[in-house]
Amino acid sequence: MGGETTRVEARDDLPAFPLFEGIAIRPVLGASLNIQEVSLEPGAVAPVHTHDEEQLGYVVHGRCHFTDGETHWELGPGDCYHAPPGAPHGATALAEGCVLIDAFSPPRAQVVEMMSER
């Protein structure tokens, strides 16, 4: 663990990457996890998908429909979700849009690739 230093990332300095139409992320990568702000415009859809990383999410602002492909939940500020590795999940922003914070462990491969290409 020695030799590493604390770092601070200002939101406005974080790169924004489009994921789907109306959805953008601002990721921060660590050695064994990443977090990212996810902004969904009103009506934006993150289709049901899976990935190898564990994911935890927290709704900061707005509302969305969250699904595992079978069950649907309406989430709002302060609500959380957990998608274990390989578990299907997706979301649709409601009328006011939605801002989420997602955490992945290990860092999500797709995000690592995006960051390395910038």
PDB file of N, CA and C in Angstrom:
ATOM      1  N   MET A   1       0.810  -1.210   0.000  1.00  0.00           N
ATOM      2  CA  MET A   1       0.000   0.000   0.000  1.00  0.00           C
ATOM      3  C   MET A   1       0.845   1.263   0.000  1.00  0.00           C
ATOM      4  N   GLY A   2       2.062   1.198   0.433  1.00  0.00           N
ATOM      5  CA  GLY A   2       2.884   2.394   0.540  1.00  0.00           C
ATOM      6  C   GLY A   2       3.141   3.061  -0.794  1.00  0.00           C
ATOM      7  N   GLY A   3       3.473   4.339  -0.744  1.00  0.00           N
ATOM      8  CA  GLY A   3       3.864   5.073  -1.929  1.00  0.00           C
ATOM      9  C   GLY A   3       2.736   5.739  -2.685  1.00  0.00           C
ATOM     10  N   GLU A   4       1.496   5.396  -2.393  1.00  0.00           N
ATOM     11  CA  GLU A   4       0.401   6.040  -3.092  1.00  0.00           C
ATOM     12  C   GLU A   4      -0.012   7.306  -2.358  1.00  0.00           C
ATOM     13  N   THR A   5      -0.553   8.254  -3.106  1.00  0.00           N
ATOM     14  CA  THR A   5      -0.961   9.516  -2.502  1.00  0.00           C
ATOM     15  C   THR A   5      -2.447   9.752  -2.739  1.00  0.00           C
ATOM     16  N   THR A   6      -2.998  10.583  -1.889  1.00  0.00           N
ATOM     17  CA  THR A   6      -4.394  10.989  -2.030  1.00  0.00           C
ATOM     18  C   THR A   6      -4.508  11.931  -3.221  1.00  0.00           C
ATOM     19  N   ARG A   7      -5.609  11.819  -3.954  1.00  0.00           N
ATOM     20  CA  ARG A   7      -5.847  12.759  -5.047  1.00  0.00           C
ATOM     21  C   ARG A   7      -7.281  13.272  -4.951  1.00  0.00           C
ATOM     22  N   VAL A   8      -7.507  14.420  -5.512  1.00  0.00           N
ATOM     23  CA  VAL A   8      -8.826  15.047  -5.548  1.00  0.00           C
ATOM     24  C   VAL A   8      -9.153  15.332  -7.005  1.00  0.00           C
ATOM     25  N   GLU A   9     -10.401  15.059  -7.371  1.00  0.00           N
ATOM     26  CA  GLU A   9     -10.867  15.314  -8.732  1.00  0.00           C
ATOM     27  C   GLU A   9     -12.016  16.311  -8.673  1.00  0.00           C
ATOM     28  N   ALA A  10     -11.873  17.467  -9.308  1.00  0.00           N
ATOM     29  CA  ALA A  10     -12.962  18.442  -9.398  1.00  0.00           C
ATOM     30  C   ALA A  10     -13.950  17.972 -10.474  1.00  0.00           C
ATOM     31  N   ARG A  11     -15.237  18.036 -10.181  1.00  0.00           N
ATOM     32  CA  ARG A  11     -16.238  17.538 -11.123  1.00  0.00           C
ATOM     33  C   ARG A  11     -16.067  18.126 -12.511  1.00  0.00           C
ATOM     34  N   ASP A  12     -15.842  19.428 -12.591  1.00  0.00           N
ATOM     35  CA  ASP A  12     -15.734  20.077 -13.898  1.00  0.00           C
ATOM     36  C   ASP A  12     -14.492  19.643 -14.675  1.00  0.00           C
ATOM     37  N   ASP A  13     -13.529  19.028 -13.997  1.00  0.00           N
ATOM     38  CA  ASP A  13     -12.327  18.536 -14.672  1.00  0.00           C
ATOM     39  C   ASP A  13     -12.471  17.079 -15.124  1.00  0.00           C
ATOM     40  N   LEU A  14     -13.540  16.403 -14.692  1.00  0.00           N
ATOM     41  CA  LEU A  14     -13.735  15.000 -15.068  1.00  0.00           C
ATOM     42  C   LEU A  14     -14.219  14.914 -16.514  1.00  0.00           C
ATOM     43  N   PRO A  15     -13.662  13.997 -17.299  1.00  0.00           N
ATOM     44  CA  PRO A  15     -14.153  13.853 -18.673  1.00  0.00           C
ATOM     45  C   PRO A  15     -15.566  13.275 -18.675  1.00  0.00           C
ATOM     46  N   ALA A  16     -16.368  13.732 -19.609  1.00  0.00           N
ATOM     47  CA  ALA A  16     -17.728  13.204 -19.768  1.00  0.00           C
ATOM     48  C   ALA A  16     -17.742  12.324 -21.016  1.00  0.00           C
ATOM     49  N   PHE A  17     -18.302  11.122 -20.868  1.00  0.00           N
ATOM     50  CA  PHE A  17     -18.389  10.180 -21.972  1.00  0.00           C
ATOM     51  C   PHE A  17     -19.850   9.814 -22.203  1.00  0.00           C
ATOM     52  N   PRO A  18     -20.314   9.850 -23.460  1.00  0.00           N
ATOM     53  CA  PRO A  18     -21.669   9.374 -23.739  1.00  0.00           C
ATOM     54  C   PRO A  18     -21.706   7.847 -23.669  1.00  0.00           C
ATOM     55  N   LEU A  19     -22.769   7.308 -23.064  1.00  0.00           N
ATOM     56  CA  LEU A  19     -22.955   5.856 -23.030  1.00  0.00           C
ATOM     57  C   LEU A  19     -24.029   5.431 -24.013  1.00  0.00           C
ATOM     58  N   PHE A  20     -25.183   6.080 -23.913  1.00  0.00           N
ATOM     59  CA  PHE A  20     -26.315   5.862 -24.797  1.00  0.00           C
ATOM     60  C   PHE A  20     -26.900   7.235 -25.072  1.00  0.00           C
ATOM     61  N   GLU A  21     -27.855   7.320 -25.998  1.00  0.00           N
ATOM     62  CA  GLU A  21     -28.475   8.611 -26.278  1.00  0.00           C
ATOM     63  C   GLU A  21     -29.089   9.173 -24.998  1.00  0.00           C
ATOM     64  N   GLY A  22     -28.671  10.403 -24.625  1.00  0.00           N
ATOM     65  CA  GLY A  22     -29.204  11.060 -23.439  1.00  0.00           C
ATOM     66  C   GLY A  22     -28.576  10.619 -22.124  1.00  0.00           C
ATOM     67  N   ILE A  23     -27.512   9.815 -22.190  1.00  0.00           N
ATOM     68  CA  ILE A  23     -26.851   9.341 -20.964  1.00  0.00           C
ATOM     69  C   ILE A  23     -25.350   9.586 -21.077  1.00  0.00           C
ATOM     70  N   ALA A  24     -24.798  10.263 -20.062  1.00  0.00           N
ATOM     71  CA  ALA A  24     -23.364  10.533 -20.023  1.00  0.00           C
ATOM     72  C   ALA A  24     -22.819  10.170 -18.648  1.00  0.00           C
ATOM     73  N   ILE A  25     -21.550   9.766 -18.630  1.00  0.00           N
ATOM     74  CA  ILE A  25     -20.893   9.440 -17.362  1.00  0.00           C
ATOM     75  C   ILE A  25     -19.666  10.311 -17.174  1.00  0.00           C
ATOM     76  N   ARG A  26     -19.326  10.543 -15.910  1.00  0.00           N
ATOM     77  CA  ARG A  26     -18.091  11.220 -15.506  1.00  0.00           C
ATOM     78  C   ARG A  26     -17.394  10.287 -14.520  1.00  0.00           C
ATOM     79  N   PRO A  27     -16.466   9.446 -15.019  1.00  0.00           N
ATOM     80  CA  PRO A  27     -15.858   8.436 -14.152  1.00  0.00           C
ATOM     81  C   PRO A  27     -14.614   8.909 -13.420  1.00  0.00           C
ATOM     82  N   VAL A  28     -14.369   8.244 -12.297  1.00  0.00           N
ATOM     83  CA  VAL A  28     -13.120   8.375 -11.537  1.00  0.00           C
ATOM     84  C   VAL A  28     -12.632   6.950 -11.300  1.00  0.00           C
ATOM     85  N   LEU A  29     -11.384   6.680 -11.683  1.00  0.00           N
ATOM     86  CA  LEU A  29     -10.822   5.339 -11.538  1.00  0.00           C
ATOM     87  C   LEU A  29      -9.873   5.262 -10.352  1.00  0.00           C
ATOM     88  N   GLY A  30     -10.016   4.184  -9.601  1.00  0.00           N
ATOM     89  CA  GLY A  30      -9.065   3.840  -8.559  1.00  0.00           C
ATOM     90  C   GLY A  30      -8.401   2.528  -8.936  1.00  0.00           C
ATOM     91  N   ALA A  31      -7.576   2.001  -8.047  1.00  0.00           N
ATOM     92  CA  ALA A  31      -6.863   0.757  -8.328  1.00  0.00           C
ATOM     93  C   ALA A  31      -7.805  -0.447  -8.350  1.00  0.00           C
ATOM     94  N   SER A  32      -8.802  -0.477  -7.455  1.00  0.00           N
ATOM     95  CA  SER A  32      -9.657  -1.663  -7.378  1.00  0.00           C
ATOM     96  C   SER A  32     -11.151  -1.354  -7.442  1.00  0.00           C
ATOM     97  N   LEU A  33     -11.503  -0.099  -7.721  1.00  0.00           N
ATOM     98  CA  LEU A  33     -12.903   0.257  -7.928  1.00  0.00           C
ATOM     99  C   LEU A  33     -12.975   1.537  -8.722  1.00  0.00           C
ATOM    100  N   ASN A  34     -14.161   1.815  -9.267  1.00  0.00           N
ATOM    101  CA  ASN A  34     -14.399   3.129  -9.855  1.00  0.00           C
ATOM    102  C   ASN A  34     -15.784   3.601  -9.473  1.00  0.00           C
ATOM    103  N   ILE A  35     -15.925   4.911  -9.436  1.00  0.00           N
ATOM    104  CA  ILE A  35     -17.228   5.532  -9.269  1.00  0.00           C
ATOM    105  C   ILE A  35     -17.463   6.411 -10.480  1.00  0.00           C
ATOM    106  N   GLN A  36     -18.729   6.732 -10.706  1.00  0.00           N
ATOM    107  CA  GLN A  36     -19.031   7.639 -11.802  1.00  0.00           C
ATOM    108  C   GLN A  36     -20.376   8.299 -11.575  1.00  0.00           C
ATOM    109  N   GLU A  37     -20.429   9.558 -11.931  1.00  0.00           N
ATOM    110  CA  GLU A  37     -21.700  10.255 -11.999  1.00  0.00           C
ATOM    111  C   GLU A  37     -22.349   9.853 -13.313  1.00  0.00           C
ATOM    112  N   VAL A  38     -23.617   9.490 -13.259  1.00  0.00           N
ATOM    113  CA  VAL A  38     -24.367   9.108 -14.457  1.00  0.00           C
ATOM    114  C   VAL A  38     -25.529  10.083 -14.585  1.00  0.00           C
ATOM    115  N   SER A  39     -25.568  10.831 -15.684  1.00  0.00           N
ATOM    116  CA  SER A  39     -26.644  11.794 -15.935  1.00  0.00           C
ATOM    117  C   SER A  39     -27.545  11.261 -17.031  1.00  0.00           C
ATOM    118  N   LEU A  40     -28.820  11.107 -16.704  1.00  0.00           N
ATOM    119  CA  LEU A  40     -29.812  10.636 -17.673  1.00  0.00           C
ATOM    120  C   LEU A  40     -30.790  11.769 -17.961  1.00  0.00           C
ATOM    121  N   GLU A  41     -30.894  12.145 -19.222  1.00  0.00           N
ATOM    122  CA  GLU A  41     -31.872  13.146 -19.614  1.00  0.00           C
ATOM    123  C   GLU A  41     -33.276  12.538 -19.499  1.00  0.00           C
ATOM    124  N   PRO A  42     -34.310  13.376 -19.408  1.00  0.00           N
ATOM    125  CA  PRO A  42     -35.672  12.842 -19.324  1.00  0.00           C
ATOM    126  C   PRO A  42     -35.952  11.827 -20.430  1.00  0.00           C
ATOM    127  N   GLY A  43     -36.447  10.660 -20.046  1.00  0.00           N
ATOM    128  CA  GLY A  43     -36.798   9.615 -20.995  1.00  0.00           C
ATOM    129  C   GLY A  43     -35.636   8.769 -21.497  1.00  0.00           C
ATOM    130  N   ALA A  44     -34.407   9.098 -21.120  1.00  0.00           N
ATOM    131  CA  ALA A  44     -33.242   8.329 -21.590  1.00  0.00           C
ATOM    132  C   ALA A  44     -33.307   6.899 -21.062  1.00  0.00           C
ATOM    133  N   VAL A  45     -32.850   5.964 -21.894  1.00  0.00           N
ATOM    134  CA  VAL A  45     -32.929   4.541 -21.562  1.00  0.00           C
ATOM    135  C   VAL A  45     -31.533   3.919 -21.552  1.00  0.00           C
ATOM    136  N   ALA A  46     -31.201   3.294 -20.432  1.00  0.00           N
ATOM    137  CA  ALA A  46     -30.027   2.420 -20.350  1.00  0.00           C
ATOM    138  C   ALA A  46     -30.592   1.009 -20.502  1.00  0.00           C
ATOM    139  N   PRO A  47     -30.414   0.382 -21.660  1.00  0.00           N
ATOM    140  CA  PRO A  47     -31.032  -0.918 -21.892  1.00  0.00           C
ATOM    141  C   PRO A  47     -30.550  -1.964 -20.881  1.00  0.00           C
ATOM    142  N   VAL A  48     -31.366  -2.980 -20.669  1.00  0.00           N
ATOM    143  CA  VAL A  48     -30.981  -4.070 -19.777  1.00  0.00           C
ATOM    144  C   VAL A  48     -29.703  -4.698 -20.330  1.00  0.00           C
ATOM    145  N   HIS A  49     -28.720  -4.844 -19.451  1.00  0.00           N
ATOM    146  CA  HIS A  49     -27.408  -5.359 -19.835  1.00  0.00           C
ATOM    147  C   HIS A  49     -26.777  -6.095 -18.659  1.00  0.00           C
ATOM    148  N   THR A  50     -25.662  -6.726 -18.889  1.00  0.00           N
ATOM    149  CA  THR A  50     -24.887  -7.373 -17.833  1.00  0.00           C
ATOM    150  C   THR A  50     -23.423  -7.003 -18.010  1.00  0.00           C
ATOM    151  N   HIS A  51     -22.654  -7.181 -16.963  1.00  0.00           N
ATOM    152  CA  HIS A  51     -21.198  -7.024 -17.037  1.00  0.00           C
ATOM    153  C   HIS A  51     -20.588  -7.824 -15.908  1.00  0.00           C
ATOM    154  N   ASP A  52     -19.283  -8.014 -15.979  1.00  0.00           N
ATOM    155  CA  ASP A  52     -18.576  -8.874 -15.024  1.00  0.00           C
ATOM    156  C   ASP A  52     -18.323  -8.212 -13.672  1.00  0.00           C
ATOM    157  N   GLU A  53     -18.482  -6.901 -13.596  1.00  0.00           N
ATOM    158  CA  GLU A  53     -18.170  -6.179 -12.369  1.00  0.00           C
ATOM    159  C   GLU A  53     -19.400  -6.070 -11.462  1.00  0.00           C
ATOM    160  N   GLU A  54     -19.166  -6.070 -10.167  1.00  0.00           N
ATOM    161  CA  GLU A  54     -20.226  -5.785  -9.201  1.00  0.00           C
ATOM    162  C   GLU A  54     -20.540  -4.293  -9.274  1.00  0.00           C
ATOM    163  N   GLN A  55     -21.821  -3.932  -9.153  1.00  0.00           N
ATOM    164  CA  GLN A  55     -22.234  -2.535  -9.250  1.00  0.00           C
ATOM    165  C   GLN A  55     -23.174  -2.181  -8.117  1.00  0.00           C
ATOM    166  N   LEU A  56     -22.897  -1.040  -7.499  1.00  0.00           N
ATOM    167  CA  LEU A  56     -23.809  -0.427  -6.532  1.00  0.00           C
ATOM    168  C   LEU A  56     -24.152   0.955  -7.063  1.00  0.00           C
ATOM    169  N   GLY A  57     -25.415   1.367  -6.915  1.00  0.00           N
ATOM    170  CA  GLY A  57     -25.828   2.674  -7.390  1.00  0.00           C
ATOM    171  C   GLY A  57     -26.653   3.417  -6.363  1.00  0.00           C
ATOM    172  N   TYR A  58     -26.595   4.735  -6.429  1.00  0.00           N
ATOM    173  CA  TYR A  58     -27.291   5.626  -5.502  1.00  0.00           C
ATOM    174  C   TYR A  58     -27.914   6.749  -6.318  1.00  0.00           C
ATOM    175  N   VAL A  59     -29.203   6.990  -6.140  1.00  0.00           N
ATOM    176  CA  VAL A  59     -29.895   8.063  -6.852  1.00  0.00           C
ATOM    177  C   VAL A  59     -29.675   9.373  -6.100  1.00  0.00           C
ATOM    178  N   VAL A  60     -29.084  10.346  -6.796  1.00  0.00           N
ATOM    179  CA  VAL A  60     -28.799  11.658  -6.201  1.00  0.00           C
ATOM    180  C   VAL A  60     -29.962  12.615  -6.436  1.00  0.00           C
ATOM    181  N   HIS A  61     -30.478  12.612  -7.652  1.00  0.00           N
ATOM    182  CA  HIS A  61     -31.489  13.604  -8.047  1.00  0.00           C
ATOM    183  C   HIS A  61     -32.404  12.985  -9.098  1.00  0.00           C
ATOM    184  N   GLY A  62     -33.665  13.369  -9.089  1.00  0.00           N
ATOM    185  CA  GLY A  62     -34.610  12.906 -10.090  1.00  0.00           C
ATOM    186  C   GLY A  62     -35.132  11.511  -9.785  1.00  0.00           C
ATOM    187  N   ARG A  63     -35.746  10.917 -10.798  1.00  0.00           N
ATOM    188  CA  ARG A  63     -36.354   9.593 -10.617  1.00  0.00           C
ATOM    189  C   ARG A  63     -36.104   8.757 -11.866  1.00  0.00           C
ATOM    190  N   CYS A  64     -36.121   7.429 -11.668  1.00  0.00           N
ATOM    191  CA  CYS A  64     -35.984   6.509 -12.797  1.00  0.00           C
ATOM    192  C   CYS A  64     -36.734   5.216 -12.498  1.00  0.00           C
ATOM    193  N   HIS A  65     -37.050   4.507 -13.565  1.00  0.00           N
ATOM    194  CA  HIS A  65     -37.527   3.131 -13.446  1.00  0.00           C
ATOM    195  C   HIS A  65     -36.287   2.256 -13.576  1.00  0.00           C
ATOM    196  N   PHE A  66     -36.068   1.386 -12.621  1.00  0.00           N
ATOM    197  CA  PHE A  66     -34.937   0.469 -12.621  1.00  0.00           C
ATOM    198  C   PHE A  66     -35.498  -0.936 -12.796  1.00  0.00           C
ATOM    199  N   THR A  67     -34.813  -1.779 -13.556  1.00  0.00           N
ATOM    200  CA  THR A  67     -35.328  -3.119 -13.816  1.00  0.00           C
ATOM    201  C   THR A  67     -34.207  -4.144 -13.864  1.00  0.00           C
ATOM    202  N   ASP A  68     -34.571  -5.375 -13.556  1.00  0.00           N
ATOM    203  CA  ASP A  68     -33.663  -6.506 -13.770  1.00  0.00           C
ATOM    204  C   ASP A  68     -34.128  -7.300 -14.988  1.00  0.00           C
ATOM    205  N   GLY A  69     -35.038  -6.712 -15.769  1.00  0.00           N
ATOM    206  CA  GLY A  69     -35.591  -7.358 -16.939  1.00  0.00           C
ATOM    207  C   GLY A  69     -36.923  -8.038 -16.664  1.00  0.00           C
ATOM    208  N   GLU A  70     -37.235  -8.249 -15.385  1.00  0.00           N
ATOM    209  CA  GLU A  70     -38.510  -8.864 -15.005  1.00  0.00           C
ATOM    210  C   GLU A  70     -39.276  -7.990 -14.018  1.00  0.00           C
ATOM    211  N   THR A  71     -38.597  -7.547 -12.981  1.00  0.00           N
ATOM    212  CA  THR A  71     -39.207  -6.701 -11.955  1.00  0.00           C
ATOM    213  C   THR A  71     -38.803  -5.258 -12.221  1.00  0.00           C
ATOM    214  N   HIS A  72     -39.721  -4.325 -11.914  1.00  0.00           N
ATOM    215  CA  HIS A  72     -39.466  -2.897 -12.125  1.00  0.00           C
ATOM    216  C   HIS A  72     -39.685  -2.155 -10.815  1.00  0.00           C
ATOM    217  N   TRP A  73     -38.781  -1.222 -10.519  1.00  0.00           N
ATOM    218  CA  TRP A  73     -38.881  -0.395  -9.325  1.00  0.00           C
ATOM    219  C   TRP A  73     -38.779   1.066  -9.745  1.00  0.00           C
ATOM    220  N   GLU A  74     -39.518   1.941  -9.080  1.00  0.00           N
ATOM    221  CA  GLU A  74     -39.334   3.380  -9.275  1.00  0.00           C
ATOM    222  C   GLU A  74     -38.413   3.865  -8.169  1.00  0.00           C
ATOM    223  N   LEU A  75     -37.287   4.451  -8.568  1.00  0.00           N
ATOM    224  CA  LEU A  75     -36.292   4.921  -7.607  1.00  0.00           C
ATOM    225  C   LEU A  75     -36.212   6.438  -7.624  1.00  0.00           C
ATOM    226  N   GLY A  76     -35.970   7.008  -6.447  1.00  0.00           N
ATOM    227  CA  GLY A  76     -35.795   8.450  -6.311  1.00  0.00           C
ATOM    228  C   GLY A  76     -34.621   8.750  -5.407  1.00  0.00           C
ATOM    229  N   PRO A  77     -34.421  10.027  -5.075  1.00  0.00           N
ATOM    230  CA  PRO A  77     -33.258  10.429  -4.284  1.00  0.00           C
ATOM    231  C   PRO A  77     -33.097   9.603  -3.009  1.00  0.00           C
ATOM    232  N   GLY A  78     -31.880   9.109  -2.827  1.00  0.00           N
ATOM    233  CA  GLY A  78     -31.548   8.313  -1.655  1.00  0.00           C
ATOM    234  C   GLY A  78     -31.743   6.822  -1.838  1.00  0.00           C
ATOM    235  N   ASP A  79     -32.443   6.407  -2.902  1.00  0.00           N
ATOM    236  CA  ASP A  79     -32.637   4.981  -3.160  1.00  0.00           C
ATOM    237  C   ASP A  79     -31.362   4.390  -3.762  1.00  0.00           C
ATOM    238  N   CYS A  80     -31.156   3.102  -3.499  1.00  0.00           N
ATOM    239  CA  CYS A  80     -29.942   2.409  -3.936  1.00  0.00           C
ATOM    240  C   CYS A  80     -30.298   1.120  -4.663  1.00  0.00           C
ATOM    241  N   TYR A  81     -29.355   0.616  -5.433  1.00  0.00           N
ATOM    242  CA  TYR A  81     -29.513  -0.683  -6.093  1.00  0.00           C
ATOM    243  C   TYR A  81     -28.180  -1.415  -6.089  1.00  0.00           C
ATOM    244  N   HIS A  82     -28.273  -2.733  -6.233  1.00  0.00           N
ATOM    245  CA  HIS A  82     -27.091  -3.591  -6.286  1.00  0.00           C
ATOM    246  C   HIS A  82     -27.267  -4.557  -7.438  1.00  0.00           C
ATOM    247  N   ALA A  83     -26.292  -4.615  -8.330  1.00  0.00           N
ATOM    248  CA  ALA A  83     -26.290  -5.576  -9.428  1.00  0.00           C
ATOM    249  C   ALA A  83     -25.028  -6.420  -9.274  1.00  0.00           C
ATOM    250  N   PRO A  84     -25.169  -7.665  -8.798  1.00  0.00           N
ATOM    251  CA  PRO A  84     -24.007  -8.548  -8.698  1.00  0.00           C
ATOM    252  C   PRO A  84     -23.409  -8.808 -10.087  1.00  0.00           C
ATOM    253  N   PRO A  85     -22.179  -9.279 -10.161  1.00  0.00           N
ATOM    254  CA  PRO A  85     -21.591  -9.598 -11.465  1.00  0.00           C
ATOM    255  C   PRO A  85     -22.511 -10.513 -12.276  1.00  0.00           C
ATOM    256  N   GLY A  86     -22.761 -10.141 -13.526  1.00  0.00           N
ATOM    257  CA  GLY A  86     -23.581 -10.947 -14.420  1.00  0.00           C
ATOM    258  C   GLY A  86     -25.081 -10.773 -14.286  1.00  0.00           C
ATOM    259  N   ALA A  87     -25.539  -9.957 -13.323  1.00  0.00           N
ATOM    260  CA  ALA A  87     -26.987  -9.766 -13.122  1.00  0.00           C
ATOM    261  C   ALA A  87     -27.536  -8.742 -14.124  1.00  0.00           C
ATOM    262  N   PRO A  88     -28.625  -9.069 -14.829  1.00  0.00           N
ATOM    263  CA  PRO A  88     -29.224  -8.111 -15.757  1.00  0.00           C
ATOM    264  C   PRO A  88     -29.806  -6.911 -15.015  1.00  0.00           C
ATOM    265  N   HIS A  89     -29.662  -5.733 -15.615  1.00  0.00           N
ATOM    266  CA  HIS A  89     -30.232  -4.515 -15.042  1.00  0.00           C
ATOM    267  C   HIS A  89     -30.238  -3.417 -16.097  1.00  0.00           C
ATOM    268  N   GLY A  90     -31.120  -2.429 -15.905  1.00  0.00           N
ATOM    269  CA  GLY A  90     -31.224  -1.284 -16.794  1.00  0.00           C
ATOM    270  C   GLY A  90     -32.104  -0.235 -16.144  1.00  0.00           C
ATOM    271  N   ALA A  91     -32.188   0.942 -16.761  1.00  0.00           N
ATOM    272  CA  ALA A  91     -32.956   2.036 -16.174  1.00  0.00           C
ATOM    273  C   ALA A  91     -33.507   2.952 -17.261  1.00  0.00           C
ATOM    274  N   THR A  92     -34.612   3.606 -16.930  1.00  0.00           N
ATOM    275  CA  THR A  92     -35.210   4.628 -17.783  1.00  0.00           C
ATOM    276  C   THR A  92     -35.491   5.843 -16.922  1.00  0.00           C
ATOM    277  N   ALA A  93     -34.965   7.008 -17.332  1.00  0.00           N
ATOM    278  CA  ALA A  93     -35.198   8.239 -16.585  1.00  0.00           C
ATOM    279  C   ALA A  93     -36.639   8.695 -16.760  1.00  0.00           C
ATOM    280  N   LEU A  94     -37.223   9.208 -15.692  1.00  0.00           N
ATOM    281  CA  LEU A  94     -38.574   9.755 -15.753  1.00  0.00           C
ATOM    282  C   LEU A  94     -38.521  11.215 -16.200  1.00  0.00           C
ATOM    283  N   ALA A  95     -39.633  11.919 -16.114  1.00  0.00           N
ATOM    284  CA  ALA A  95     -39.796  13.245 -16.717  1.00  0.00           C
ATOM    285  C   ALA A  95     -38.752  14.270 -16.301  1.00  0.00           C
ATOM    286  N   GLU A  96     -38.271  14.202 -15.045  1.00  0.00           N
ATOM    287  CA  GLU A  96     -37.303  15.201 -14.590  1.00  0.00           C
ATOM    288  C   GLU A  96     -35.855  14.791 -14.832  1.00  0.00           C
ATOM    289  N   GLY A  97     -35.642  13.632 -15.450  1.00  0.00           N
ATOM    290  CA  GLY A  97     -34.286  13.122 -15.629  1.00  0.00           C
ATOM    291  C   GLY A  97     -33.798  12.519 -14.330  1.00  0.00           C
ATOM    292  N   CYS A  98     -32.544  12.120 -14.308  1.00  0.00           N
ATOM    293  CA  CYS A  98     -32.025  11.432 -13.132  1.00  0.00           C
ATOM    294  C   CYS A  98     -30.502  11.548 -13.089  1.00  0.00           C
ATOM    295  N   VAL A  99     -29.959  11.718 -11.898  1.00  0.00           N
ATOM    296  CA  VAL A  99     -28.513  11.688 -11.688  1.00  0.00           C
ATOM    297  C   VAL A  99     -28.224  10.594 -10.674  1.00  0.00           C
ATOM    298  N   LEU A 100     -27.320   9.682 -11.036  1.00  0.00           N
ATOM    299  CA  LEU A 100     -26.938   8.555 -10.196  1.00  0.00           C
ATOM    300  C   LEU A 100     -25.447   8.599  -9.915  1.00  0.00           C
ATOM    301  N   ILE A 101     -25.046   7.941  -8.849  1.00  0.00           N
ATOM    302  CA  ILE A 101     -23.636   7.636  -8.625  1.00  0.00           C
ATOM    303  C   ILE A 101     -23.529   6.122  -8.646  1.00  0.00           C
ATOM    304  N   ASP A 102     -22.725   5.599  -9.565  1.00  0.00           N
ATOM    305  CA  ASP A 102     -22.474   4.168  -9.659  1.00  0.00           C
ATOM    306  C   ASP A 102     -21.064   3.870  -9.169  1.00  0.00           C
ATOM    307  N   ALA A 103     -20.913   2.732  -8.510  1.00  0.00           N
ATOM    308  CA  ALA A 103     -19.600   2.243  -8.088  1.00  0.00           C
ATOM    309  C   ALA A 103     -19.432   0.839  -8.644  1.00  0.00           C
ATOM    310  N   PHE A 104     -18.245   0.535  -9.154  1.00  0.00           N
ATOM    311  CA  PHE A 104     -17.942  -0.772  -9.728  1.00  0.00           C
ATOM    312  C   PHE A 104     -16.681  -1.337  -9.094  1.00  0.00           C
ATOM    313  N   SER A 105     -16.714  -2.625  -8.815  1.00  0.00           N
ATOM    314  CA  SER A 105     -15.527  -3.320  -8.341  1.00  0.00           C
ATOM    315  C   SER A 105     -15.460  -4.669  -9.030  1.00  0.00           C
ATOM    316  N   PRO A 106     -14.340  -4.985  -9.665  1.00  0.00           N
ATOM    317  CA  PRO A 106     -13.226  -4.080  -9.964  1.00  0.00           C
ATOM    318  C   PRO A 106     -13.690  -2.966 -10.908  1.00  0.00           C
ATOM    319  N   PRO A 107     -12.807  -2.018 -11.244  1.00  0.00           N
ATOM    320  CA  PRO A 107     -13.219  -0.961 -12.170  1.00  0.00           C
ATOM    321  C   PRO A 107     -13.841  -1.561 -13.429  1.00  0.00           C
ATOM    322  N   ARG A 108     -14.898  -0.935 -13.899  1.00  0.00           N
ATOM    323  CA  ARG A 108     -15.614  -1.466 -15.069  1.00  0.00           C
ATOM    324  C   ARG A 108     -14.706  -1.412 -16.298  1.00  0.00           C
ATOM    325  N   ALA A 109     -14.555  -2.553 -16.948  1.00  0.00           N
ATOM    326  CA  ALA A 109     -13.645  -2.671 -18.093  1.00  0.00           C
ATOM    327  C   ALA A 109     -13.972  -1.652 -19.184  1.00  0.00           C
ATOM    328  N   GLN A 110     -15.249  -1.450 -19.476  1.00  0.00           N
ATOM    329  CA  GLN A 110     -15.657  -0.488 -20.508  1.00  0.00           C
ATOM    330  C   GLN A 110     -15.168   0.920 -20.166  1.00  0.00           C
ATOM    331  N   VAL A 111     -15.236   1.284 -18.896  1.00  0.00           N
ATOM    332  CA  VAL A 111     -14.815   2.616 -18.461  1.00  0.00           C
ATOM    333  C   VAL A 111     -13.291   2.738 -18.522  1.00  0.00           C
ATOM    334  N   VAL A 112     -12.582   1.710 -18.095  1.00  0.00           N
ATOM    335  CA  VAL A 112     -11.115   1.716 -18.176  1.00  0.00           C
ATOM    336  C   VAL A 112     -10.688   1.923 -19.620  1.00  0.00           C
ATOM    337  N   GLU A 113     -11.348   1.232 -20.551  1.00  0.00           N
ATOM    338  CA  GLU A 113     -11.022   1.372 -21.971  1.00  0.00           C
ATOM    339  C   GLU A 113     -11.297   2.799 -22.463  1.00  0.00           C
ATOM    340  N   MET A 114     -12.451   3.357 -22.084  1.00  0.00           N
ATOM    341  CA  MET A 114     -12.787   4.742 -22.486  1.00  0.00           C
ATOM    342  C   MET A 114     -11.722   5.716 -21.987  1.00  0.00           C
ATOM    343  N   MET A 115     -11.335   5.561 -20.724  1.00  0.00           N
ATOM    344  CA  MET A 115     -10.355   6.476 -20.130  1.00  0.00           C
ATOM    345  C   MET A 115      -8.993   6.339 -20.815  1.00  0.00           C
ATOM    346  N   SER A 116      -8.619   5.124 -21.190  1.00  0.00           N
ATOM    347  CA  SER A 116      -7.309   4.922 -21.814  1.00  0.00           C
ATOM    348  C   SER A 116      -7.263   5.473 -23.244  1.00  0.00           C
ATOM    349  N   GLU A 117      -8.420   5.591 -23.893  1.00  0.00           N
ATOM    350  CA  GLU A 117      -8.487   6.087 -25.259  1.00  0.00           C
ATOM    351  C   GLU A 117      -8.567   7.608 -25.337  1.00  0.00           C
ATOM    352  N   ARG A 118      -8.814   8.260 -24.233  1.00  0.00           N
ATOM    353  CA  ARG A 118      -8.966   9.726 -24.306  1.00  0.00           C
ATOM    354  C   ARG A 118      -7.674  10.474 -24.377  1.00  0.00           C
TER     355      ARG A 118
END
